[in-house]
Amino acid sequence: MSNIVREITPEEVLTKVKEKAAIQIIDVREPEEWVAGHIAEAILIPLNDVPASLDRFDTSKEIIMVCRSGARSYHACEFLKHNGIEAVNMEGGMLAWPGEIAR
């Protein structure tokens, strides 16, 4: 993988959530994965919908991309970067999320 995508640990994301930092968490999994459990503060935009949803990304905040394992969200970060939107990838995805799971 290229090194154009910045990454953040799940623990760092959890700290930002607890501190109510200016972040926007985007979950790029499919709806059925989302229903099974997600980060309460996240917004669902499935990976295939990202290209048509660029207006939903709040560039005034730090955008953090999430998926199950970190692979799809990494690709979403690459796509966003090529479209002028900076986003960071949460390493390990929901499999590594140490916080509460919303359902």
PDB file of N, CA and C in Angstrom:
ATOM      1  N   MET A   1       0.844  -1.187   0.000  1.00  0.00           N
ATOM      2  CA  MET A   1       0.000   0.000   0.000  1.00  0.00           C
ATOM      3  C   MET A   1       0.885   1.245   0.000  1.00  0.00           C
ATOM      4  N   SER A   2       0.392   2.284  -0.607  1.00  0.00           N
ATOM      5  CA  SER A   2       1.153   3.527  -0.642  1.00  0.00           C
ATOM      6  C   SER A   2       1.073   4.208   0.716  1.00  0.00           C
ATOM      7  N   ASN A   3       1.946   5.158   0.921  1.00  0.00           N
ATOM      8  CA  ASN A   3       1.942   5.840   2.207  1.00  0.00           C
ATOM      9  C   ASN A   3       1.268   7.204   2.132  1.00  0.00           C
ATOM     10  N   ILE A   4       0.332   7.370   1.192  1.00  0.00           N
ATOM     11  CA  ILE A   4      -0.355   8.658   1.103  1.00  0.00           C
ATOM     12  C   ILE A   4      -1.482   8.776   2.121  1.00  0.00           C
ATOM     13  N   VAL A   5      -1.860   7.675   2.743  1.00  0.00           N
ATOM     14  CA  VAL A   5      -2.966   7.688   3.698  1.00  0.00           C
ATOM     15  C   VAL A   5      -2.421   7.691   5.124  1.00  0.00           C
ATOM     16  N   ARG A   6      -2.842   8.680   5.893  1.00  0.00           N
ATOM     17  CA  ARG A   6      -2.469   8.709   7.310  1.00  0.00           C
ATOM     18  C   ARG A   6      -3.361   7.735   8.063  1.00  0.00           C
ATOM     19  N   GLU A   7      -2.817   7.149   9.122  1.00  0.00           N
ATOM     20  CA  GLU A   7      -3.597   6.208   9.914  1.00  0.00           C
ATOM     21  C   GLU A   7      -3.631   6.663  11.366  1.00  0.00           C
ATOM     22  N   ILE A   8      -4.658   6.215  12.067  1.00  0.00           N
ATOM     23  CA  ILE A   8      -4.867   6.555  13.463  1.00  0.00           C
ATOM     24  C   ILE A   8      -5.267   5.270  14.179  1.00  0.00           C
ATOM     25  N   THR A   9      -4.824   5.113  15.417  1.00  0.00           N
ATOM     26  CA  THR A   9      -5.179   3.894  16.140  1.00  0.00           C
ATOM     27  C   THR A   9      -6.607   4.000  16.675  1.00  0.00           C
ATOM     28  N   PRO A  10      -7.262   2.867  16.873  1.00  0.00           N
ATOM     29  CA  PRO A  10      -8.601   2.890  17.462  1.00  0.00           C
ATOM     30  C   PRO A  10      -8.603   3.560  18.841  1.00  0.00           C
ATOM     31  N   GLU A  11      -7.533   3.388  19.597  1.00  0.00           N
ATOM     32  CA  GLU A  11      -7.441   4.015  20.917  1.00  0.00           C
ATOM     33  C   GLU A  11      -7.414   5.535  20.798  1.00  0.00           C
ATOM     34  N   GLU A  12      -6.702   6.046  19.785  1.00  0.00           N
ATOM     35  CA  GLU A  12      -6.663   7.497  19.562  1.00  0.00           C
ATOM     36  C   GLU A  12      -8.043   8.016  19.164  1.00  0.00           C
ATOM     37  N   VAL A  13      -8.756   7.242  18.339  1.00  0.00           N
ATOM     38  CA  VAL A  13     -10.109   7.641  17.939  1.00  0.00           C
ATOM     39  C   VAL A  13     -11.016   7.672  19.162  1.00  0.00           C
ATOM     40  N   LEU A  14     -10.933   6.655  20.004  1.00  0.00           N
ATOM     41  CA  LEU A  14     -11.763   6.601  21.209  1.00  0.00           C
ATOM     42  C   LEU A  14     -11.495   7.814  22.103  1.00  0.00           C
ATOM     43  N   THR A  15     -10.232   8.191  22.243  1.00  0.00           N
ATOM     44  CA  THR A  15      -9.886   9.373  23.035  1.00  0.00           C
ATOM     45  C   THR A  15     -10.531  10.617  22.441  1.00  0.00           C
ATOM     46  N   LYS A  16     -10.463  10.762  21.123  1.00  0.00           N
ATOM     47  CA  LYS A  16     -11.072  11.922  20.462  1.00  0.00           C
ATOM     48  C   LYS A  16     -12.587  11.940  20.670  1.00  0.00           C
ATOM     49  N   VAL A  17     -13.227  10.772  20.605  1.00  0.00           N
ATOM     50  CA  VAL A  17     -14.675  10.683  20.839  1.00  0.00           C
ATOM     51  C   VAL A  17     -14.986  11.142  22.258  1.00  0.00           C
ATOM     52  N   LYS A  18     -14.243  10.634  23.228  1.00  0.00           N
ATOM     53  CA  LYS A  18     -14.481  10.980  24.637  1.00  0.00           C
ATOM     54  C   LYS A  18     -14.249  12.462  24.900  1.00  0.00           C
ATOM     55  N   GLU A  19     -13.281  13.054  24.189  1.00  0.00           N
ATOM     56  CA  GLU A  19     -12.966  14.476  24.365  1.00  0.00           C
ATOM     57  C   GLU A  19     -13.885  15.367  23.535  1.00  0.00           C
ATOM     58  N   LYS A  20     -14.795  14.746  22.793  1.00  0.00           N
ATOM     59  CA  LYS A  20     -15.703  15.475  21.905  1.00  0.00           C
ATOM     60  C   LYS A  20     -14.927  16.384  20.943  1.00  0.00           C
ATOM     61  N   ALA A  21     -13.848  15.827  20.394  1.00  0.00           N
ATOM     62  CA  ALA A  21     -13.015  16.551  19.435  1.00  0.00           C
ATOM     63  C   ALA A  21     -13.808  16.809  18.153  1.00  0.00           C
ATOM     64  N   ALA A  22     -13.309  17.744  17.355  1.00  0.00           N
ATOM     65  CA  ALA A  22     -13.962  18.080  16.083  1.00  0.00           C
ATOM     66  C   ALA A  22     -13.604  17.013  15.050  1.00  0.00           C
ATOM     67  N   ILE A  23     -14.332  15.900  15.102  1.00  0.00           N
ATOM     68  CA  ILE A  23     -14.091  14.798  14.173  1.00  0.00           C
ATOM     69  C   ILE A  23     -15.396  14.386  13.514  1.00  0.00           C
ATOM     70  N   GLN A  24     -15.264  13.747  12.366  1.00  0.00           N
ATOM     71  CA  GLN A  24     -16.402  13.126  11.685  1.00  0.00           C
ATOM     72  C   GLN A  24     -15.970  11.697  11.376  1.00  0.00           C
ATOM     73  N   ILE A  25     -16.666  10.729  11.962  1.00  0.00           N
ATOM     74  CA  ILE A  25     -16.346   9.324  11.732  1.00  0.00           C
ATOM     75  C   ILE A  25     -17.289   8.794  10.665  1.00  0.00           C
ATOM     76  N   ILE A  26     -16.707   8.273   9.581  1.00  0.00           N
ATOM     77  CA  ILE A  26     -17.483   7.713   8.476  1.00  0.00           C
ATOM     78  C   ILE A  26     -17.225   6.215   8.425  1.00  0.00           C
ATOM     79  N   ASP A  27     -18.285   5.437   8.504  1.00  0.00           N
ATOM     80  CA  ASP A  27     -18.214   3.973   8.437  1.00  0.00           C
ATOM     81  C   ASP A  27     -18.591   3.568   7.017  1.00  0.00           C
ATOM     82  N   VAL A  28     -17.672   2.893   6.317  1.00  0.00           N
ATOM     83  CA  VAL A  28     -17.904   2.552   4.908  1.00  0.00           C
ATOM     84  C   VAL A  28     -18.342   1.103   4.704  1.00  0.00           C
ATOM     85  N   ARG A  29     -18.765   0.447   5.787  1.00  0.00           N
ATOM     86  CA  ARG A  29     -19.251  -0.929   5.652  1.00  0.00           C
ATOM     87  C   ARG A  29     -20.654  -0.936   5.046  1.00  0.00           C
ATOM     88  N   GLU A  30     -21.167  -2.123   4.816  1.00  0.00           N
ATOM     89  CA  GLU A  30     -22.511  -2.284   4.267  1.00  0.00           C
ATOM     90  C   GLU A  30     -23.550  -2.153   5.388  1.00  0.00           C
ATOM     91  N   PRO A  31     -24.792  -1.798   5.040  1.00  0.00           N
ATOM     92  CA  PRO A  31     -25.831  -1.605   6.066  1.00  0.00           C
ATOM     93  C   PRO A  31     -26.002  -2.781   7.021  1.00  0.00           C
ATOM     94  N   GLU A  32     -25.901  -4.007   6.513  1.00  0.00           N
ATOM     95  CA  GLU A  32     -26.083  -5.158   7.406  1.00  0.00           C
ATOM     96  C   GLU A  32     -24.941  -5.269   8.420  1.00  0.00           C
ATOM     97  N   GLU A  33     -23.745  -4.826   8.040  1.00  0.00           N
ATOM     98  CA  GLU A  33     -22.621  -4.816   8.980  1.00  0.00           C
ATOM     99  C   GLU A  33     -22.834  -3.725  10.033  1.00  0.00           C
ATOM    100  N   TRP A  34     -23.323  -2.576   9.580  1.00  0.00           N
ATOM    101  CA  TRP A  34     -23.606  -1.427  10.450  1.00  0.00           C
ATOM    102  C   TRP A  34     -24.608  -1.810  11.541  1.00  0.00           C
ATOM    103  N   VAL A  35     -25.678  -2.483  11.135  1.00  0.00           N
ATOM    104  CA  VAL A  35     -26.730  -2.878  12.076  1.00  0.00           C
ATOM    105  C   VAL A  35     -26.178  -3.818  13.146  1.00  0.00           C
ATOM    106  N   ALA A  36     -25.218  -4.654  12.770  1.00  0.00           N
ATOM    107  CA  ALA A  36     -24.632  -5.614  13.715  1.00  0.00           C
ATOM    108  C   ALA A  36     -23.804  -4.924  14.796  1.00  0.00           C
ATOM    109  N   GLY A  37     -23.379  -3.687  14.547  1.00  0.00           N
ATOM    110  CA  GLY A  37     -22.628  -2.937  15.543  1.00  0.00           C
ATOM    111  C   GLY A  37     -21.738  -1.888  14.914  1.00  0.00           C
ATOM    112  N   HIS A  38     -21.773  -0.673  15.484  1.00  0.00           N
ATOM    113  CA  HIS A  38     -20.991   0.435  14.938  1.00  0.00           C
ATOM    114  C   HIS A  38     -20.617   1.406  16.060  1.00  0.00           C
ATOM    115  N   ILE A  39     -19.777   2.365  15.731  1.00  0.00           N
ATOM    116  CA  ILE A  39     -19.424   3.437  16.658  1.00  0.00           C
ATOM    117  C   ILE A  39     -20.604   4.400  16.672  1.00  0.00           C
ATOM    118  N   ALA A  40     -21.116   4.710  17.858  1.00  0.00           N
ATOM    119  CA  ALA A  40     -22.337   5.519  17.977  1.00  0.00           C
ATOM    120  C   ALA A  40     -22.235   6.854  17.241  1.00  0.00           C
ATOM    121  N   GLU A  41     -21.063   7.460  17.234  1.00  0.00           N
ATOM    122  CA  GLU A  41     -20.891   8.781  16.622  1.00  0.00           C
ATOM    123  C   GLU A  41     -20.666   8.720  15.111  1.00  0.00           C
ATOM    124  N   ALA A  42     -20.581   7.532  14.560  1.00  0.00           N
ATOM    125  CA  ALA A  42     -20.270   7.369  13.133  1.00  0.00           C
ATOM    126  C   ALA A  42     -21.487   7.613  12.244  1.00  0.00           C
ATOM    127  N   ILE A  43     -21.188   7.924  10.991  1.00  0.00           N
ATOM    128  CA  ILE A  43     -22.187   8.087   9.939  1.00  0.00           C
ATOM    129  C   ILE A  43     -21.939   6.974   8.928  1.00  0.00           C
ATOM    130  N   LEU A  44     -22.978   6.305   8.498  1.00  0.00           N
ATOM    131  CA  LEU A  44     -22.834   5.229   7.510  1.00  0.00           C
ATOM    132  C   LEU A  44     -22.864   5.793   6.094  1.00  0.00           C
ATOM    133  N   ILE A  45     -21.777   5.569   5.358  1.00  0.00           N
ATOM    134  CA  ILE A  45     -21.719   5.835   3.920  1.00  0.00           C
ATOM    135  C   ILE A  45     -20.999   4.631   3.315  1.00  0.00           C
ATOM    136  N   PRO A  46     -21.746   3.616   2.841  1.00  0.00           N
ATOM    137  CA  PRO A  46     -21.096   2.430   2.273  1.00  0.00           C
ATOM    138  C   PRO A  46     -20.073   2.813   1.200  1.00  0.00           C
ATOM    139  N   LEU A  47     -19.003   2.043   1.119  1.00  0.00           N
ATOM    140  CA  LEU A  47     -17.899   2.348   0.212  1.00  0.00           C
ATOM    141  C   LEU A  47     -18.362   2.676  -1.201  1.00  0.00           C
ATOM    142  N   ASN A  48     -19.284   1.900  -1.744  1.00  0.00           N
ATOM    143  CA  ASN A  48     -19.748   2.154  -3.113  1.00  0.00           C
ATOM    144  C   ASN A  48     -20.501   3.470  -3.250  1.00  0.00           C
ATOM    145  N   ASP A  49     -20.973   4.030  -2.129  1.00  0.00           N
ATOM    146  CA  ASP A  49     -21.703   5.302  -2.157  1.00  0.00           C
ATOM    147  C   ASP A  49     -20.802   6.511  -1.952  1.00  0.00           C
ATOM    148  N   VAL A  50     -19.548   6.293  -1.576  1.00  0.00           N
ATOM    149  CA  VAL A  50     -18.636   7.402  -1.282  1.00  0.00           C
ATOM    150  C   VAL A  50     -18.499   8.365  -2.464  1.00  0.00           C
ATOM    151  N   PRO A  51     -18.274   7.893  -3.706  1.00  0.00           N
ATOM    152  CA  PRO A  51     -18.105   8.845  -4.810  1.00  0.00           C
ATOM    153  C   PRO A  51     -19.287   9.801  -4.999  1.00  0.00           C
ATOM    154  N   ALA A  52     -20.490   9.346  -4.741  1.00  0.00           N
ATOM    155  CA  ALA A  52     -21.680  10.189  -4.918  1.00  0.00           C
ATOM    156  C   ALA A  52     -22.025  10.970  -3.654  1.00  0.00           C
ATOM    157  N   SER A  53     -21.214  10.824  -2.612  1.00  0.00           N
ATOM    158  CA  SER A  53     -21.543  11.425  -1.311  1.00  0.00           C
ATOM    159  C   SER A  53     -20.493  12.418  -0.829  1.00  0.00           C
ATOM    160  N   LEU A  54     -19.675  12.941  -1.722  1.00  0.00           N
ATOM    161  CA  LEU A  54     -18.586  13.818  -1.302  1.00  0.00           C
ATOM    162  C   LEU A  54     -19.083  15.038  -0.537  1.00  0.00           C
ATOM    163  N   ASP A  55     -20.295  15.486  -0.819  1.00  0.00           N
ATOM    164  CA  ASP A  55     -20.838  16.657  -0.126  1.00  0.00           C
ATOM    165  C   ASP A  55     -21.189  16.367   1.335  1.00  0.00           C
ATOM    166  N   ARG A  56     -21.182  15.119   1.731  1.00  0.00           N
ATOM    167  CA  ARG A  56     -21.500  14.750   3.118  1.00  0.00           C
ATOM    168  C   ARG A  56     -20.269  14.778   4.027  1.00  0.00           C
ATOM    169  N   PHE A  57     -19.091  14.972   3.446  1.00  0.00           N
ATOM    170  CA  PHE A  57     -17.864  14.997   4.230  1.00  0.00           C
ATOM    171  C   PHE A  57     -17.612  16.414   4.735  1.00  0.00           C
ATOM    172  N   ASP A  58     -17.480  16.562   6.052  1.00  0.00           N
ATOM    173  CA  ASP A  58     -17.292  17.864   6.688  1.00  0.00           C
ATOM    174  C   ASP A  58     -15.798  18.148   6.810  1.00  0.00           C
ATOM    175  N   THR A  59     -15.272  18.889   5.843  1.00  0.00           N
ATOM    176  CA  THR A  59     -13.830  19.138   5.804  1.00  0.00           C
ATOM    177  C   THR A  59     -13.366  20.118   6.880  1.00  0.00           C
ATOM    178  N   SER A  60     -14.301  20.695   7.641  1.00  0.00           N
ATOM    179  CA  SER A  60     -13.895  21.554   8.759  1.00  0.00           C
ATOM    180  C   SER A  60     -13.492  20.711   9.970  1.00  0.00           C
ATOM    181  N   LYS A  61     -13.737  19.400   9.888  1.00  0.00           N
ATOM    182  CA  LYS A  61     -13.405  18.477  10.967  1.00  0.00           C
ATOM    183  C   LYS A  61     -12.373  17.467  10.480  1.00  0.00           C
ATOM    184  N   GLU A  62     -11.743  16.770  11.422  1.00  0.00           N
ATOM    185  CA  GLU A  62     -10.869  15.659  11.057  1.00  0.00           C
ATOM    186  C   GLU A  62     -11.768  14.486  10.673  1.00  0.00           C
ATOM    187  N   ILE A  63     -11.625  14.002   9.455  1.00  0.00           N
ATOM    188  CA  ILE A  63     -12.455  12.906   8.953  1.00  0.00           C
ATOM    189  C   ILE A  63     -11.728  11.590   9.207  1.00  0.00           C
ATOM    190  N   ILE A  64     -12.415  10.684   9.897  1.00  0.00           N
ATOM    191  CA  ILE A  64     -11.844   9.379  10.238  1.00  0.00           C
ATOM    192  C   ILE A  64     -12.690   8.305   9.572  1.00  0.00           C
ATOM    193  N   MET A  65     -12.048   7.487   8.752  1.00  0.00           N
ATOM    194  CA  MET A  65     -12.736   6.442   8.006  1.00  0.00           C
ATOM    195  C   MET A  65     -12.589   5.103   8.720  1.00  0.00           C
ATOM    196  N   VAL A  66     -13.699   4.339   8.749  1.00  0.00           N
ATOM    197  CA  VAL A  66     -13.751   3.071   9.481  1.00  0.00           C
ATOM    198  C   VAL A  66     -14.424   2.006   8.618  1.00  0.00           C
ATOM    199  N   CYS A  67     -13.965   0.760   8.741  1.00  0.00           N
ATOM    200  CA  CYS A  67     -14.666  -0.388   8.149  1.00  0.00           C
ATOM    201  C   CYS A  67     -14.482  -1.570   9.105  1.00  0.00           C
ATOM    202  N   ARG A  68     -14.593  -2.782   8.608  1.00  0.00           N
ATOM    203  CA  ARG A  68     -14.462  -3.947   9.485  1.00  0.00           C
ATOM    204  C   ARG A  68     -13.017  -4.161   9.920  1.00  0.00           C
ATOM    205  N   SER A  69     -12.080  -4.144   8.940  1.00  0.00           N
ATOM    206  CA  SER A  69     -10.688  -4.466   9.253  1.00  0.00           C
ATOM    207  C   SER A  69      -9.700  -3.355   8.911  1.00  0.00           C
ATOM    208  N   GLY A  70     -10.149  -2.317   8.222  1.00  0.00           N
ATOM    209  CA  GLY A  70      -9.270  -1.218   7.845  1.00  0.00           C
ATOM    210  C   GLY A  70      -8.934  -1.161   6.372  1.00  0.00           C
ATOM    211  N   ALA A  71      -9.287  -2.192   5.599  1.00  0.00           N
ATOM    212  CA  ALA A  71      -8.928  -2.227   4.175  1.00  0.00           C
ATOM    213  C   ALA A  71      -9.843  -1.339   3.328  1.00  0.00           C
ATOM    214  N   ARG A  72     -11.147  -1.502   3.463  1.00  0.00           N
ATOM    215  CA  ARG A  72     -12.078  -0.680   2.673  1.00  0.00           C
ATOM    216  C   ARG A  72     -11.943   0.798   3.027  1.00  0.00           C
ATOM    217  N   SER A  73     -11.781   1.075   4.306  1.00  0.00           N
ATOM    218  CA  SER A  73     -11.649   2.473   4.719  1.00  0.00           C
ATOM    219  C   SER A  73     -10.346   3.071   4.193  1.00  0.00           C
ATOM    220  N   TYR A  74      -9.300   2.262   4.076  1.00  0.00           N
ATOM    221  CA  TYR A  74      -8.042   2.724   3.490  1.00  0.00           C
ATOM    222  C   TYR A  74      -8.273   3.141   2.041  1.00  0.00           C
ATOM    223  N   HIS A  75      -8.982   2.299   1.293  1.00  0.00           N
ATOM    224  CA  HIS A  75      -9.274   2.628  -0.111  1.00  0.00           C
ATOM    225  C   HIS A  75     -10.147   3.871  -0.213  1.00  0.00           C
ATOM    226  N   ALA A  76     -11.073   4.035   0.722  1.00  0.00           N
ATOM    227  CA  ALA A  76     -11.906   5.240   0.736  1.00  0.00           C
ATOM    228  C   ALA A  76     -11.041   6.473   0.973  1.00  0.00           C
ATOM    229  N   CYS A  77     -10.061   6.374   1.873  1.00  0.00           N
ATOM    230  CA  CYS A  77      -9.150   7.491   2.131  1.00  0.00           C
ATOM    231  C   CYS A  77      -8.361   7.858   0.878  1.00  0.00           C
ATOM    232  N   GLU A  78      -7.887   6.835   0.159  1.00  0.00           N
ATOM    233  CA  GLU A  78      -7.162   7.095  -1.092  1.00  0.00           C
ATOM    234  C   GLU A  78      -8.055   7.828  -2.082  1.00  0.00           C
ATOM    235  N   PHE A  79      -9.289   7.354  -2.247  1.00  0.00           N
ATOM    236  CA  PHE A  79     -10.232   7.988  -3.170  1.00  0.00           C
ATOM    237  C   PHE A  79     -10.483   9.438  -2.763  1.00  0.00           C
ATOM    238  N   LEU A  80     -10.733   9.657  -1.485  1.00  0.00           N
ATOM    239  CA  LEU A  80     -11.006  11.011  -1.002  1.00  0.00           C
ATOM    240  C   LEU A  80      -9.818  11.924  -1.250  1.00  0.00           C
ATOM    241  N   LYS A  81      -8.603  11.438  -0.972  1.00  0.00           N
ATOM    242  CA  LYS A  81      -7.404  12.250  -1.178  1.00  0.00           C
ATOM    243  C   LYS A  81      -7.288  12.673  -2.639  1.00  0.00           C
ATOM    244  N   HIS A  82      -7.575  11.748  -3.552  1.00  0.00           N
ATOM    245  CA  HIS A  82      -7.521  12.073  -4.984  1.00  0.00           C
ATOM    246  C   HIS A  82      -8.602  13.072  -5.377  1.00  0.00           C
ATOM    247  N   ASN A  83      -9.582  13.264  -4.513  1.00  0.00           N
ATOM    248  CA  ASN A  83     -10.654  14.225  -4.754  1.00  0.00           C
ATOM    249  C   ASN A  83     -10.544  15.438  -3.829  1.00  0.00           C
ATOM    250  N   GLY A  84      -9.363  15.637  -3.259  1.00  0.00           N
ATOM    251  CA  GLY A  84      -9.087  16.835  -2.479  1.00  0.00           C
ATOM    252  C   GLY A  84      -9.613  16.840  -1.054  1.00  0.00           C
ATOM    253  N   ILE A  85      -9.978  15.677  -0.525  1.00  0.00           N
ATOM    254  CA  ILE A  85     -10.487  15.589   0.847  1.00  0.00           C
ATOM    255  C   ILE A  85      -9.513  14.760   1.675  1.00  0.00           C
ATOM    256  N   GLU A  86      -8.990  15.369   2.738  1.00  0.00           N
ATOM    257  CA  GLU A  86      -8.072  14.660   3.629  1.00  0.00           C
ATOM    258  C   GLU A  86      -8.870  13.835   4.627  1.00  0.00           C
ATOM    259  N   ALA A  87      -8.515  12.582   4.774  1.00  0.00           N
ATOM    260  CA  ALA A  87      -9.152  11.702   5.750  1.00  0.00           C
ATOM    261  C   ALA A  87      -8.085  10.775   6.312  1.00  0.00           C
ATOM    262  N   VAL A  88      -8.310  10.292   7.525  1.00  0.00           N
ATOM    263  CA  VAL A  88      -7.391   9.335   8.136  1.00  0.00           C
ATOM    264  C   VAL A  88      -8.095   8.000   8.295  1.00  0.00           C
ATOM    265  N   ASN A  89      -7.332   6.940   8.216  1.00  0.00           N
ATOM    266  CA  ASN A  89      -7.868   5.586   8.299  1.00  0.00           C
ATOM    267  C   ASN A  89      -7.674   5.038   9.710  1.00  0.00           C
ATOM    268  N   MET A  90      -8.747   4.481  10.287  1.00  0.00           N
ATOM    269  CA  MET A  90      -8.616   3.846  11.599  1.00  0.00           C
ATOM    270  C   MET A  90      -8.038   2.447  11.404  1.00  0.00           C
ATOM    271  N   GLU A  91      -6.822   2.244  11.912  1.00  0.00           N
ATOM    272  CA  GLU A  91      -6.129   0.960  11.784  1.00  0.00           C
ATOM    273  C   GLU A  91      -6.944  -0.169  12.407  1.00  0.00           C
ATOM    274  N   GLY A  92      -7.025  -1.276  11.705  1.00  0.00           N
ATOM    275  CA  GLY A  92      -7.667  -2.465  12.265  1.00  0.00           C
ATOM    276  C   GLY A  92      -9.181  -2.478  12.224  1.00  0.00           C
ATOM    277  N   GLY A  93      -9.786  -1.345  11.880  1.00  0.00           N
ATOM    278  CA  GLY A  93     -11.238  -1.270  11.750  1.00  0.00           C
ATOM    279  C   GLY A  93     -11.997  -1.624  13.021  1.00  0.00           C
ATOM    280  N   MET A  94     -13.259  -1.987  12.839  1.00  0.00           N
ATOM    281  CA  MET A  94     -14.126  -2.310  13.974  1.00  0.00           C
ATOM    282  C   MET A  94     -13.631  -3.533  14.744  1.00  0.00           C
ATOM    283  N   LEU A  95     -12.867  -4.395  14.079  1.00  0.00           N
ATOM    284  CA  LEU A  95     -12.311  -5.561  14.776  1.00  0.00           C
ATOM    285  C   LEU A  95     -11.397  -5.128  15.924  1.00  0.00           C
ATOM    286  N   ALA A  96     -10.810  -3.931  15.802  1.00  0.00           N
ATOM    287  CA  ALA A  96      -9.880  -3.438  16.816  1.00  0.00           C
ATOM    288  C   ALA A  96     -10.496  -2.362  17.717  1.00  0.00           C
ATOM    289  N   TRP A  97     -11.753  -2.007  17.501  1.00  0.00           N
ATOM    290  CA  TRP A  97     -12.392  -0.917  18.255  1.00  0.00           C
ATOM    291  C   TRP A  97     -12.520  -1.281  19.735  1.00  0.00           C
ATOM    292  N   PRO A  98     -11.914  -0.473  20.633  1.00  0.00           N
ATOM    293  CA  PRO A  98     -11.953  -0.778  22.058  1.00  0.00           C
ATOM    294  C   PRO A  98     -13.146  -0.167  22.799  1.00  0.00           C
ATOM    295  N   GLY A  99     -13.900   0.672  22.107  1.00  0.00           N
ATOM    296  CA  GLY A  99     -15.011   1.364  22.760  1.00  0.00           C
ATOM    297  C   GLY A  99     -16.314   0.597  22.682  1.00  0.00           C
ATOM    298  N   GLU A 100     -17.378   1.277  23.101  1.00  0.00           N
ATOM    299  CA  GLU A 100     -18.699   0.665  23.072  1.00  0.00           C
ATOM    300  C   GLU A 100     -19.165   0.474  21.635  1.00  0.00           C
ATOM    301  N   ILE A 101     -20.021  -0.523  21.451  1.00  0.00           N
ATOM    302  CA  ILE A 101     -20.599  -0.822  20.144  1.00  0.00           C
ATOM    303  C   ILE A 101     -22.084  -0.464  20.207  1.00  0.00           C
ATOM    304  N   ALA A 102     -22.511   0.411  19.303  1.00  0.00           N
ATOM    305  CA  ALA A 102     -23.933   0.776  19.228  1.00  0.00           C
ATOM    306  C   ALA A 102     -24.639  -0.169  18.272  1.00  0.00           C
ATOM    307  N   ARG A 103     -25.903  -0.470  18.578  1.00  0.00           N
ATOM    308  CA  ARG A 103     -26.693  -1.340  17.703  1.00  0.00           C
ATOM    309  C   ARG A 103     -28.052  -0.731  17.487  1.00  0.00           C
TER     310      ARG A 103
END
